[in-house]
């Protein structure tokens, strides 16, 4: 009887450890790509894309956070951690 109780306890502990290990894996990353075009204050044209990586809530407003890549005045531009209203 003691052996059965010990085995049951060992199985429960093993299951709890397995569940804890799987809970620690990082969630899948979001990567929605949005094409962008626009103009700078000086009138220079921008064309590129915005890759959304996550969403944040700041001041009761929702923002997307991601990477902006493209071309401005013929030069390649890359900016990380760009926030845009969602």
Protein backbone atom coordinates (compact mmCIF):
# COMPACT_ATOMS: atom_id res chain seq x y z
CA UNK A 1 0.00 0.00 0.00
CA UNK A 2 2.86 2.38 0.84
CA UNK A 3 4.47 1.56 -2.50
CA UNK A 4 1.30 2.53 -4.42
CA UNK A 5 1.03 5.82 -2.52
CA UNK A 6 4.70 6.59 -3.19
CA UNK A 7 4.29 5.84 -6.91
CA UNK A 8 1.20 8.04 -7.11
CA UNK A 9 3.06 10.89 -5.40
CA UNK A 10 6.02 10.48 -7.77
CA UNK A 11 3.75 10.54 -10.82
CA UNK A 12 1.95 13.67 -9.58
CA UNK A 13 5.30 15.41 -8.96
CA UNK A 14 6.56 14.44 -12.42
CA UNK A 15 3.40 15.79 -14.04
CA UNK A 16 3.69 19.06 -12.11
CA UNK A 17 7.33 19.46 -13.17
CA UNK A 18 6.46 18.78 -16.82
CA UNK A 19 3.63 21.31 -16.71
CA UNK A 20 5.86 23.93 -15.06
CA UNK A 21 8.55 23.48 -17.71
CA UNK A 22 6.10 23.96 -20.55
CA UNK A 23 4.61 27.05 -18.89
CA UNK A 24 8.01 28.74 -18.92
CA UNK A 25 8.42 28.67 -22.69
CA UNK A 26 8.05 32.09 -24.32
CA UNK A 27 4.89 32.81 -26.30
CA UNK A 28 4.96 32.88 -30.07
CA UNK A 29 6.02 36.26 -31.41
CA UNK A 30 3.56 38.28 -33.39
CA UNK A 31 4.86 39.60 -36.69
CA UNK A 32 2.27 41.41 -38.76
CA UNK A 33 3.82 43.43 -41.62
CA UNK A 34 2.09 46.65 -42.69
CA UNK A 35 3.20 48.60 -45.81
CA UNK A 36 3.74 52.33 -45.17
CA UNK A 37 4.15 55.41 -47.33
CA UNK A 38 4.38 59.02 -46.27
CA UNK A 39 6.33 62.24 -46.32
CA UNK A 40 8.72 63.91 -43.89
CA UNK A 41 8.17 67.50 -42.74
CA UNK A 42 10.55 68.69 -45.47
CA UNK A 43 8.53 66.87 -48.15
CA UNK A 44 10.89 63.89 -48.62
CA UNK A 45 8.99 60.71 -49.55
CA UNK A 46 9.13 57.58 -47.40
CA UNK A 47 8.22 54.06 -48.52
CA UNK A 48 8.67 51.00 -46.37
CA UNK A 49 7.07 48.59 -43.96
CA UNK A 50 6.24 48.39 -40.28
CA UNK A 51 6.56 44.99 -38.60
CA UNK A 52 4.35 44.81 -35.50
CA UNK A 53 5.96 42.77 -32.73
CA UNK A 54 3.71 43.45 -29.74
CA UNK A 55 1.06 45.76 -28.27
CA UNK A 56 1.29 47.94 -25.17
CA UNK A 57 -1.17 50.01 -23.18
CA UNK A 58 0.08 53.46 -22.18
CA UNK A 59 -2.13 56.16 -20.68
CA UNK A 60 -5.31 54.20 -21.45
CA UNK A 61 -4.34 54.08 -25.14
CA UNK A 62 -3.29 51.03 -27.15
CA UNK A 63 -0.09 51.17 -29.20
CA UNK A 64 1.66 48.71 -31.48
CA UNK A 65 5.43 48.39 -31.07
CA UNK A 66 7.59 47.22 -33.93
CA UNK A 67 10.36 47.82 -36.43
CA UNK A 68 10.14 50.39 -39.20
CA UNK A 69 12.23 49.78 -42.34
CA UNK A 70 12.24 51.54 -45.68
CA UNK A 71 13.79 54.28 -47.79
CA UNK A 72 13.85 58.02 -47.19
CA UNK A 73 15.59 60.27 -49.76
CA UNK A 74 17.15 57.16 -51.31
CA UNK A 75 18.75 56.02 -48.04
CA UNK A 76 17.84 52.87 -46.15
CA UNK A 77 16.21 53.52 -42.77
CA UNK A 78 15.66 51.08 -39.88
CA UNK A 79 14.18 52.04 -36.50
CA UNK A 80 13.43 49.61 -33.67
CA UNK A 81 10.81 50.01 -30.92
CA UNK A 82 8.64 52.35 -32.98
CA UNK A 83 5.24 52.98 -31.36
CA UNK A 84 2.12 53.67 -33.39
CA UNK A 85 -1.46 54.12 -32.19
CA UNK A 86 -3.49 50.98 -32.67
